[in-house]
PDB file of N, CA and C in Angstrom:
ATOM      1  N   UNK A   1      -3.122  -2.464 -17.589  1.00  0.00           N
ATOM      2  CA  UNK A   1      -2.008  -1.786 -16.953  1.00  0.00           C
ATOM      3  C   UNK A   1      -1.157  -2.795 -16.181  1.00  0.00           C
ATOM      4  N   UNK A   2       0.087  -2.485 -16.083  1.00  0.00           N
ATOM      5  CA  UNK A   2       1.029  -3.322 -15.340  1.00  0.00           C
ATOM      6  C   UNK A   2       1.226  -2.720 -13.951  1.00  0.00           C
ATOM      7  N   UNK A   3       1.317  -3.573 -12.949  1.00  0.00           N
ATOM      8  CA  UNK A   3       1.540  -3.115 -11.580  1.00  0.00           C
ATOM      9  C   UNK A   3       2.956  -3.478 -11.160  1.00  0.00           C
ATOM     10  N   UNK A   4       3.652  -2.482 -10.636  1.00  0.00           N
ATOM     11  CA  UNK A   4       5.027  -2.653 -10.161  1.00  0.00           C
ATOM     12  C   UNK A   4       5.047  -2.305  -8.666  1.00  0.00           C
ATOM     13  N   UNK A   5       5.473  -3.244  -7.844  1.00  0.00           N
ATOM     14  CA  UNK A   5       5.584  -3.000  -6.401  1.00  0.00           C
ATOM     15  C   UNK A   5       7.057  -2.731  -6.102  1.00  0.00           C
ATOM     16  N   UNK A   6       7.355  -1.505  -5.718  1.00  0.00           N
ATOM     17  CA  UNK A   6       8.743  -1.138  -5.424  1.00  0.00           C
ATOM     18  C   UNK A   6       9.219  -1.845  -4.155  1.00  0.00           C
ATOM     19  N   UNK A   7      10.518  -1.978  -4.020  1.00  0.00           N
ATOM     20  CA  UNK A   7      11.086  -2.772  -2.920  1.00  0.00           C
ATOM     21  C   UNK A   7      10.682  -2.251  -1.548  1.00  0.00           C
ATOM     22  N   UNK A   8      10.568  -0.943  -1.392  1.00  0.00           N
ATOM     23  CA  UNK A   8      10.187  -0.408  -0.091  1.00  0.00           C
ATOM     24  C   UNK A   8       8.736  -0.780   0.236  1.00  0.00           C
ATOM     25  N   UNK A   9       7.855  -0.758  -0.749  1.00  0.00           N
ATOM     26  CA  UNK A   9       6.464  -1.162  -0.544  1.00  0.00           C
ATOM     27  C   UNK A   9       6.381  -2.667  -0.253  1.00  0.00           C
ATOM     28  N   UNK A  10       7.225  -3.425  -0.908  1.00  0.00           N
ATOM     29  CA  UNK A  10       7.285  -4.866  -0.644  1.00  0.00           C
ATOM     30  C   UNK A  10       7.688  -5.110   0.810  1.00  0.00           C
ATOM     31  N   UNK A  11       8.642  -4.322   1.286  1.00  0.00           N
ATOM     32  CA  UNK A  11       9.054  -4.411   2.689  1.00  0.00           C
ATOM     33  C   UNK A  11       7.921  -4.060   3.638  1.00  0.00           C
ATOM     34  N   UNK A  12       7.101  -3.075   3.255  1.00  0.00           N
ATOM     35  CA  UNK A  12       5.936  -2.712   4.063  1.00  0.00           C
ATOM     36  C   UNK A  12       4.972  -3.891   4.175  1.00  0.00           C
ATOM     37  N   UNK A  13       4.746  -4.580   3.060  1.00  0.00           N
ATOM     38  CA  UNK A  13       3.848  -5.740   3.064  1.00  0.00           C
ATOM     39  C   UNK A  13       4.394  -6.859   3.947  1.00  0.00           C
ATOM     40  N   UNK A  14       5.680  -7.083   3.875  1.00  0.00           N
ATOM     41  CA  UNK A  14       6.307  -8.135   4.696  1.00  0.00           C
ATOM     42  C   UNK A  14       6.215  -7.781   6.177  1.00  0.00           C
ATOM     43  N   UNK A  15       6.458  -6.507   6.513  1.00  0.00           N
ATOM     44  CA  UNK A  15       6.348  -6.077   7.913  1.00  0.00           C
ATOM     45  C   UNK A  15       4.926  -6.247   8.433  1.00  0.00           C
ATOM     46  N   UNK A  16       3.950  -5.879   7.606  1.00  0.00           N
ATOM     47  CA  UNK A  16       2.550  -6.051   8.004  1.00  0.00           C
ATOM     48  C   UNK A  16       2.200  -7.518   8.200  1.00  0.00           C
ATOM     49  N   UNK A  17       2.718  -8.359   7.313  1.00  0.00           N
ATOM     50  CA  UNK A  17       2.494  -9.803   7.424  1.00  0.00           C
ATOM     51  C   UNK A  17       3.043 -10.319   8.749  1.00  0.00           C
ATOM     52  N   UNK A  18       4.250  -9.920   9.072  1.00  0.00           N
ATOM     53  CA  UNK A  18       4.877 -10.371  10.334  1.00  0.00           C
ATOM     54  C   UNK A  18       4.068  -9.908  11.545  1.00  0.00           C
ATOM     55  N   UNK A  19       3.647  -8.639  11.521  1.00  0.00           N
ATOM     56  CA  UNK A  19       2.871  -8.094  12.640  1.00  0.00           C
ATOM     57  C   UNK A  19       1.591  -8.895  12.859  1.00  0.00           C
ATOM     58  N   UNK A  20       0.822  -9.090  11.800  1.00  0.00           N
ATOM     59  CA  UNK A  20      -0.453  -9.789  11.946  1.00  0.00           C
ATOM     60  C   UNK A  20      -0.278 -11.274  12.234  1.00  0.00           C
ATOM     61  N   UNK A  21       0.788 -11.861  11.748  1.00  0.00           N
ATOM     62  CA  UNK A  21       1.032 -13.283  12.025  1.00  0.00           C
ATOM     63  C   UNK A  21       1.331 -13.486  13.516  1.00  0.00           C
ATOM     64  N   UNK A  22       1.975 -12.493  14.139  1.00  0.00           N
ATOM     65  CA  UNK A  22       2.236 -12.572  15.585  1.00  0.00           C
ATOM     66  C   UNK A  22       0.939 -12.468  16.382  1.00  0.00           C
ATOM     67  N   UNK A  23      -0.031 -11.724  15.830  1.00  0.00           N
ATOM     68  CA  UNK A  23      -1.310 -11.558  16.518  1.00  0.00           C
ATOM     69  C   UNK A  23      -2.097 -12.866  16.553  1.00  0.00           C
ATOM     70  N   UNK A  24      -2.088 -13.569  15.405  1.00  0.00           N
ATOM     71  CA  UNK A  24      -2.831 -14.823  15.303  1.00  0.00           C
ATOM     72  C   UNK A  24      -2.310 -15.604  14.098  1.00  0.00           C
ATOM     73  N   UNK A  25      -1.951 -16.871  14.284  1.00  0.00           N
ATOM     74  CA  UNK A  25      -1.450 -17.654  13.158  1.00  0.00           C
ATOM     75  C   UNK A  25      -2.462 -17.666  11.998  1.00  0.00           C
ATOM     76  N   UNK A  26      -1.957 -17.384  10.806  1.00  0.00           N
ATOM     77  CA  UNK A  26      -2.796 -17.349   9.614  1.00  0.00           C
ATOM     78  C   UNK A  26      -3.303 -15.959   9.266  1.00  0.00           C
ATOM     79  N   UNK A  27      -3.338 -15.056  10.268  1.00  0.00           N
ATOM     80  CA  UNK A  27      -3.821 -13.703  10.009  1.00  0.00           C
ATOM     81  C   UNK A  27      -2.853 -12.930   9.103  1.00  0.00           C
ATOM     82  N   UNK A  28      -1.570 -13.216   9.230  1.00  0.00           N
ATOM     83  CA  UNK A  28      -0.582 -12.555   8.373  1.00  0.00           C
ATOM     84  C   UNK A  28      -0.796 -12.891   6.907  1.00  0.00           C
ATOM     85  N   UNK A  29      -1.098 -14.154   6.618  1.00  0.00           N
ATOM     86  CA  UNK A  29      -1.366 -14.557   5.234  1.00  0.00           C
ATOM     87  C   UNK A  29      -2.641 -13.912   4.719  1.00  0.00           C
ATOM     88  N   UNK A  30      -3.654 -13.829   5.601  1.00  0.00           N
ATOM     89  CA  UNK A  30      -4.900 -13.172   5.216  1.00  0.00           C
ATOM     90  C   UNK A  30      -4.645 -11.701   4.897  1.00  0.00           C
ATOM     91  N   UNK A  31      -3.844 -11.034   5.733  1.00  0.00           N
ATOM     92  CA  UNK A  31      -3.458  -9.644   5.493  1.00  0.00           C
ATOM     93  C   UNK A  31      -2.782  -9.506   4.134  1.00  0.00           C
ATOM     94  N   UNK A  32      -1.782 -10.331   3.903  1.00  0.00           N
ATOM     95  CA  UNK A  32      -0.994 -10.253   2.670  1.00  0.00           C
ATOM     96  C   UNK A  32      -1.890 -10.453   1.440  1.00  0.00           C
ATOM     97  N   UNK A  33      -2.732 -11.475   1.476  1.00  0.00           N
ATOM     98  CA  UNK A  33      -3.619 -11.747   0.337  1.00  0.00           C
ATOM     99  C   UNK A  33      -4.645 -10.634   0.139  1.00  0.00           C
ATOM    100  N   UNK A  34      -5.144 -10.064   1.231  1.00  0.00           N
ATOM    101  CA  UNK A  34      -6.109  -8.969   1.132  1.00  0.00           C
ATOM    102  C   UNK A  34      -5.479  -7.734   0.492  1.00  0.00           C
ATOM    103  N   UNK A  35      -4.270  -7.414   0.931  1.00  0.00           N
ATOM    104  CA  UNK A  35      -3.599  -6.240   0.366  1.00  0.00           C
ATOM    105  C   UNK A  35      -3.239  -6.467  -1.093  1.00  0.00           C
ATOM    106  N   UNK A  36      -2.807  -7.673  -1.443  1.00  0.00           N
ATOM    107  CA  UNK A  36      -2.525  -7.953  -2.857  1.00  0.00           C
ATOM    108  C   UNK A  36      -3.794  -7.841  -3.700  1.00  0.00           C
ATOM    109  N   UNK A  37      -4.928  -8.225  -3.153  1.00  0.00           N
ATOM    110  CA  UNK A  37      -6.200  -8.077  -3.858  1.00  0.00           C
ATOM    111  C   UNK A  37      -6.527  -6.593  -4.056  1.00  0.00           C
ATOM    112  N   UNK A  38      -6.301  -5.789  -3.018  1.00  0.00           N
ATOM    113  CA  UNK A  38      -6.520  -4.345  -3.143  1.00  0.00           C
ATOM    114  C   UNK A  38      -5.597  -3.744  -4.202  1.00  0.00           C
ATOM    115  N   UNK A  39      -4.354  -4.189  -4.211  1.00  0.00           N
ATOM    116  CA  UNK A  39      -3.391  -3.697  -5.207  1.00  0.00           C
ATOM    117  C   UNK A  39      -3.823  -4.120  -6.605  1.00  0.00           C
ATOM    118  N   UNK A  40      -4.259  -5.359  -6.746  1.00  0.00           N
ATOM    119  CA  UNK A  40      -4.697  -5.850  -8.052  1.00  0.00           C
ATOM    120  C   UNK A  40      -5.909  -5.072  -8.565  1.00  0.00           C
ATOM    121  N   UNK A  41      -6.766  -4.594  -7.662  1.00  0.00           N
ATOM    122  CA  UNK A  41      -7.944  -3.828  -8.076  1.00  0.00           C
ATOM    123  C   UNK A  41      -7.565  -2.511  -8.751  1.00  0.00           C
ATOM    124  N   UNK A  42      -6.321  -2.081  -8.559  1.00  0.00           N
ATOM    125  CA  UNK A  42      -5.872  -0.840  -9.189  1.00  0.00           C
ATOM    126  C   UNK A  42      -5.821  -0.963 -10.710  1.00  0.00           C
ATOM    127  N   UNK A  43      -5.769  -2.186 -11.233  1.00  0.00           N
ATOM    128  CA  UNK A  43      -5.826  -2.368 -12.689  1.00  0.00           C
ATOM    129  C   UNK A  43      -7.108  -1.758 -13.249  1.00  0.00           C
ATOM    130  N   UNK A  44      -8.191  -1.855 -12.486  1.00  0.00           N
ATOM    131  CA  UNK A  44      -9.473  -1.291 -12.918  1.00  0.00           C
ATOM    132  C   UNK A  44      -9.705   0.116 -12.396  1.00  0.00           C
ATOM    133  N   UNK A  45      -9.304   0.356 -11.149  1.00  0.00           N
ATOM    134  CA  UNK A  45      -9.662   1.603 -10.485  1.00  0.00           C
ATOM    135  C   UNK A  45      -8.495   2.562 -10.263  1.00  0.00           C
ATOM    136  N   UNK A  46      -7.341   2.243 -10.801  1.00  0.00           N
ATOM    137  CA  UNK A  46      -6.173   3.099 -10.623  1.00  0.00           C
ATOM    138  C   UNK A  46      -6.430   4.503 -11.161  1.00  0.00           C
ATOM    139  N   UNK A  47      -6.104   5.487 -10.353  1.00  0.00           N
ATOM    140  CA  UNK A  47      -6.240   6.877 -10.759  1.00  0.00           C
ATOM    141  C   UNK A  47      -7.483   7.558 -10.216  1.00  0.00           C
ATOM    142  N   UNK A  48      -8.430   6.801  -9.653  1.00  0.00           N
ATOM    143  CA  UNK A  48      -9.658   7.425  -9.135  1.00  0.00           C
ATOM    144  C   UNK A  48      -9.509   7.861  -7.679  1.00  0.00           C
ATOM    145  N   UNK A  49      -8.448   7.437  -7.028  1.00  0.00           N
ATOM    146  CA  UNK A  49      -8.252   7.723  -5.608  1.00  0.00           C
ATOM    147  C   UNK A  49      -7.700   9.133  -5.413  1.00  0.00           C
ATOM    148  N   UNK A  50      -7.986   9.721  -4.253  1.00  0.00           N
ATOM    149  CA  UNK A  50      -7.484  11.083  -3.992  1.00  0.00           C
ATOM    150  C   UNK A  50      -5.958  11.107  -3.919  1.00  0.00           C
ATOM    151  N   UNK A  51      -5.420  12.260  -4.218  1.00  0.00           N
ATOM    152  CA  UNK A  51      -3.965  12.446  -4.116  1.00  0.00           C
ATOM    153  C   UNK A  51      -3.654  13.001  -2.730  1.00  0.00           C
ATOM    154  N   UNK A  52      -2.800  12.291  -2.024  1.00  0.00           N
ATOM    155  CA  UNK A  52      -2.390  12.653  -0.669  1.00  0.00           C
ATOM    156  C   UNK A  52      -0.868  12.593  -0.632  1.00  0.00           C
ATOM    157  N   UNK A  53      -0.238  13.653  -0.182  1.00  0.00           N
ATOM    158  CA  UNK A  53       1.223  13.737  -0.134  1.00  0.00           C
ATOM    159  C   UNK A  53       1.840  13.500  -1.514  1.00  0.00           C
ATOM    160  N   UNK A  54       1.160  13.925  -2.571  1.00  0.00           N
ATOM    161  CA  UNK A  54       1.709  13.835  -3.923  1.00  0.00           C
ATOM    162  C   UNK A  54       1.509  12.504  -4.623  1.00  0.00           C
ATOM    163  N   UNK A  55       0.837  11.553  -3.974  1.00  0.00           N
ATOM    164  CA  UNK A  55       0.590  10.233  -4.570  1.00  0.00           C
ATOM    165  C   UNK A  55      -0.881   9.874  -4.412  1.00  0.00           C
ATOM    166  N   UNK A  56      -1.389   9.013  -5.291  1.00  0.00           N
ATOM    167  CA  UNK A  56      -2.734   8.492  -5.110  1.00  0.00           C
ATOM    168  C   UNK A  56      -2.727   7.603  -3.867  1.00  0.00           C
ATOM    169  N   UNK A  57      -3.830   7.658  -3.106  1.00  0.00           N
ATOM    170  CA  UNK A  57      -3.940   6.844  -1.898  1.00  0.00           C
ATOM    171  C   UNK A  57      -5.201   5.989  -1.965  1.00  0.00           C
ATOM    172  N   UNK A  58      -5.009   4.680  -1.968  1.00  0.00           N
ATOM    173  CA  UNK A  58      -6.111   3.716  -1.962  1.00  0.00           C
ATOM    174  C   UNK A  58      -6.155   3.082  -0.574  1.00  0.00           C
ATOM    175  N   UNK A  59      -7.307   3.175   0.077  1.00  0.00           N
ATOM    176  CA  UNK A  59      -7.446   2.558   1.403  1.00  0.00           C
ATOM    177  C   UNK A  59      -7.828   1.095   1.250  1.00  0.00           C
ATOM    178  N   UNK A  60      -7.190   0.252   2.023  1.00  0.00           N
ATOM    179  CA  UNK A  60      -7.489  -1.179   2.000  1.00  0.00           C
ATOM    180  C   UNK A  60      -8.900  -1.416   2.513  1.00  0.00           C
ATOM    181  N   UNK A  61      -9.540  -2.430   1.975  1.00  0.00           N
ATOM    182  CA  UNK A  61     -10.914  -2.736   2.379  1.00  0.00           C
ATOM    183  C   UNK A  61     -10.980  -3.437   3.734  1.00  0.00           C
ATOM    184  N   UNK A  62      -9.985  -4.238   4.082  1.00  0.00           N
ATOM    185  CA  UNK A  62     -10.106  -5.067   5.288  1.00  0.00           C
ATOM    186  C   UNK A  62      -9.144  -4.707   6.420  1.00  0.00           C
ATOM    187  N   UNK A  63      -8.114  -3.968   6.130  1.00  0.00           N
ATOM    188  CA  UNK A  63      -7.122  -3.620   7.146  1.00  0.00           C
ATOM    189  C   UNK A  63      -6.892  -2.115   7.129  1.00  0.00           C
ATOM    190  N   UNK A  64      -6.450  -1.546   8.251  1.00  0.00           N
ATOM    191  CA  UNK A  64      -6.230  -0.094   8.305  1.00  0.00           C
ATOM    192  C   UNK A  64      -4.908   0.310   7.639  1.00  0.00           C
ATOM    193  N   UNK A  65      -4.805   0.034   6.360  1.00  0.00           N
ATOM    194  CA  UNK A  65      -3.607   0.342   5.595  1.00  0.00           C
ATOM    195  C   UNK A  65      -3.962   1.149   4.356  1.00  0.00           C
ATOM    196  N   UNK A  66      -3.024   1.975   3.930  1.00  0.00           N
ATOM    197  CA  UNK A  66      -3.192   2.766   2.719  1.00  0.00           C
ATOM    198  C   UNK A  66      -2.107   2.375   1.722  1.00  0.00           C
ATOM    199  N   UNK A  67      -2.518   2.260   0.464  1.00  0.00           N
ATOM    200  CA  UNK A  67      -1.598   1.938  -0.623  1.00  0.00           C
ATOM    201  C   UNK A  67      -1.341   3.232  -1.375  1.00  0.00           C
ATOM    202  N   UNK A  68      -0.100   3.666  -1.385  1.00  0.00           N
ATOM    203  CA  UNK A  68       0.276   4.888  -2.092  1.00  0.00           C
ATOM    204  C   UNK A  68       0.916   4.504  -3.418  1.00  0.00           C
ATOM    205  N   UNK A  69       0.403   5.103  -4.500  1.00  0.00           N
ATOM    206  CA  UNK A  69       0.885   4.724  -5.824  1.00  0.00           C
ATOM    207  C   UNK A  69       0.908   5.914  -6.769  1.00  0.00           C
ATOM    208  N   UNK A  70       1.620   5.726  -7.852  1.00  0.00           N
ATOM    209  CA  UNK A  70       1.720   6.720  -8.922  1.00  0.00           C
ATOM    210  C   UNK A  70       1.503   5.990 -10.236  1.00  0.00           C
ATOM    211  N   UNK A  71       0.820   6.644 -11.160  1.00  0.00           N
ATOM    212  CA  UNK A  71       0.623   6.082 -12.494  1.00  0.00           C
ATOM    213  C   UNK A  71       1.608   6.769 -13.431  1.00  0.00           C
ATOM    214  N   UNK A  72       2.418   5.945 -14.084  1.00  0.00           N
ATOM    215  CA  UNK A  72       3.438   6.450 -15.018  1.00  0.00           C
ATOM    216  C   UNK A  72       3.232   5.737 -16.344  1.00  0.00           C
ATOM    217  N   UNK A  73       2.486   6.376 -17.252  1.00  0.00           N
ATOM    218  CA  UNK A  73       2.172   5.737 -18.526  1.00  0.00           C
ATOM    219  C   UNK A  73       1.224   4.576 -18.302  1.00  0.00           C
ATOM    220  N   UNK A  74       1.670   3.390 -18.654  1.00  0.00           N
ATOM    221  CA  UNK A  74       0.856   2.175 -18.480  1.00  0.00           C
ATOM    222  C   UNK A  74       1.268   1.365 -17.251  1.00  0.00           C
ATOM    223  N   UNK A  75       2.052   1.987 -16.370  1.00  0.00           N
ATOM    224  CA  UNK A  75       2.547   1.286 -15.177  1.00  0.00           C
ATOM    225  C   UNK A  75       2.006   1.961 -13.920  1.00  0.00           C
ATOM    226  N   UNK A  76       1.443   1.145 -13.041  1.00  0.00           N
ATOM    227  CA  UNK A  76       1.036   1.615 -11.717  1.00  0.00           C
ATOM    228  C   UNK A  76       2.162   1.222 -10.769  1.00  0.00           C
ATOM    229  N   UNK A  77       2.809   2.218 -10.203  1.00  0.00           N
ATOM    230  CA  UNK A  77       3.972   2.005  -9.356  1.00  0.00           C
ATOM    231  C   UNK A  77       3.571   2.151  -7.885  1.00  0.00           C
ATOM    232  N   UNK A  78       3.595   1.042  -7.151  1.00  0.00           N
ATOM    233  CA  UNK A  78       3.240   1.050  -5.726  1.00  0.00           C
ATOM    234  C   UNK A  78       4.464   1.529  -4.953  1.00  0.00           C
ATOM    235  N   UNK A  79       4.326   2.681  -4.311  1.00  0.00           N
ATOM    236  CA  UNK A  79       5.455   3.295  -3.611  1.00  0.00           C
ATOM    237  C   UNK A  79       5.533   2.911  -2.140  1.00  0.00           C
ATOM    238  N   UNK A  80       4.357   2.740  -1.497  1.00  0.00           N
ATOM    239  CA  UNK A  80       4.346   2.420  -0.068  1.00  0.00           C
ATOM    240  C   UNK A  80       3.014   1.801   0.311  1.00  0.00           C
ATOM    241  N   UNK A  81       3.030   0.983   1.352  1.00  0.00           N
ATOM    242  CA  UNK A  81       1.827   0.410   1.939  1.00  0.00           C
ATOM    243  C   UNK A  81       1.959   0.680   3.436  1.00  0.00           C
ATOM    244  N   UNK A  82       1.229   1.701   3.910  1.00  0.00           N
ATOM    245  CA  UNK A  82       1.460   2.202   5.258  1.00  0.00           C
ATOM    246  C   UNK A  82       0.252   2.028   6.168  1.00  0.00           C
ATOM    247  N   UNK A  83       0.537   1.805   7.429  1.00  0.00           N
ATOM    248  CA  UNK A  83      -0.475   1.620   8.469  1.00  0.00           C
ATOM    249  C   UNK A  83      -1.127   2.967   8.779  1.00  0.00           C
ATOM    250  N   UNK A  84      -2.429   3.066   8.615  1.00  0.00           N
ATOM    251  CA  UNK A  84      -3.157   4.321   8.841  1.00  0.00           C
ATOM    252  C   UNK A  84      -3.244   4.690  10.322  1.00  0.00           C
ATOM    253  N   UNK A  85      -2.885   3.783  11.208  1.00  0.00           N
ATOM    254  CA  UNK A  85      -2.925   4.079  12.640  1.00  0.00           C
ATOM    255  C   UNK A  85      -1.714   4.899  13.073  1.00  0.00           C
ATOM    256  N   UNK A  86      -0.751   5.037  12.196  1.00  0.00           N
ATOM    257  CA  UNK A  86       0.437   5.832  12.525  1.00  0.00           C
ATOM    258  C   UNK A  86       0.147   7.311  12.332  1.00  0.00           C
ATOM    259  N   UNK A  87       0.963   8.125  12.926  1.00  0.00           N
ATOM    260  CA  UNK A  87       0.846   9.570  12.799  1.00  0.00           C
ATOM    261  C   UNK A  87       0.989   9.963  11.325  1.00  0.00           C
ATOM    262  N   UNK A  88       0.076  10.779  10.793  1.00  0.00           N
ATOM    263  CA  UNK A  88       0.182  11.191   9.388  1.00  0.00           C
ATOM    264  C   UNK A  88       1.511  11.883   9.047  1.00  0.00           C
ATOM    265  N   UNK A  89       2.147  12.481  10.031  1.00  0.00           N
ATOM    266  CA  UNK A  89       3.447  13.117   9.780  1.00  0.00           C
ATOM    267  C   UNK A  89       4.484  12.068   9.365  1.00  0.00           C
ATOM    268  N   UNK A  90       4.382  10.854   9.921  1.00  0.00           N
ATOM    269  CA  UNK A  90       5.277   9.772   9.513  1.00  0.00           C
ATOM    270  C   UNK A  90       5.069   9.459   8.038  1.00  0.00           C
ATOM    271  N   UNK A  91       3.812   9.355   7.632  1.00  0.00           N
ATOM    272  CA  UNK A  91       3.505   9.064   6.221  1.00  0.00           C
ATOM    273  C   UNK A  91       4.079  10.147   5.329  1.00  0.00           C
ATOM    274  N   UNK A  92       3.872  11.393   5.716  1.00  0.00           N
ATOM    275  CA  UNK A  92       4.364  12.501   4.890  1.00  0.00           C
ATOM    276  C   UNK A  92       5.878  12.468   4.755  1.00  0.00           C
ATOM    277  N   UNK A  93       6.592  12.285   5.859  1.00  0.00           N
ATOM    278  CA  UNK A  93       8.065  12.204   5.795  1.00  0.00           C
ATOM    279  C   UNK A  93       8.513  11.049   4.931  1.00  0.00           C
ATOM    280  N   UNK A  94       7.906   9.903   5.121  1.00  0.00           N
ATOM    281  CA  UNK A  94       8.275   8.700   4.375  1.00  0.00           C
ATOM    282  C   UNK A  94       8.051   8.879   2.872  1.00  0.00           C
ATOM    283  N   UNK A  95       6.910   9.471   2.507  1.00  0.00           N
ATOM    284  CA  UNK A  95       6.573   9.608   1.094  1.00  0.00           C
ATOM    285  C   UNK A  95       7.327  10.750   0.432  1.00  0.00           C
ATOM    286  N   UNK A  96       7.671  11.773   1.161  1.00  0.00           N
ATOM    287  CA  UNK A  96       8.404  12.896   0.578  1.00  0.00           C
ATOM    288  C   UNK A  96       9.843  12.498   0.237  1.00  0.00           C
ATOM    289  N   UNK A  97      10.384  11.505   0.953  1.00  0.00           N
ATOM    290  CA  UNK A  97      11.749  11.024   0.675  1.00  0.00           C
ATOM    291  C   UNK A  97      11.845  10.466  -0.736  1.00  0.00           C
ATOM    292  N   UNK A  98      10.825   9.699  -1.153  1.00  0.00           N
ATOM    293  CA  UNK A  98      10.868   8.990  -2.427  1.00  0.00           C
ATOM    294  C   UNK A  98      10.220   9.731  -3.581  1.00  0.00           C
ATOM    295  N   UNK A  99       9.469  10.803  -3.276  1.00  0.00           N
ATOM    296  CA  UNK A  99       8.741  11.509  -4.331  1.00  0.00           C
ATOM    297  C   UNK A  99       9.711  12.113  -5.285  1.00  0.00           C
TER     298      UNK A  99
END
């Protein structure tokens, strides 16, 4: 399967990188690489995650982030990468805009 990261999800990854890099130098890169590894795992495990707000939700293994995606044929489309510490209503509003 092919993985496509939409621009808004890419922006989420960049924002997370900036946040963690401010916390400790090098942590932002670790965050970014960890999330990309979680996204890459969807090639094998895509579609097994529960559907939340109309999209599959994969929880990151190392950071409190959720990867929201949709499978369209042979393409896994990453719609958002959101911080789970935020109010779930924010996630719902954000994801309903693009659904």
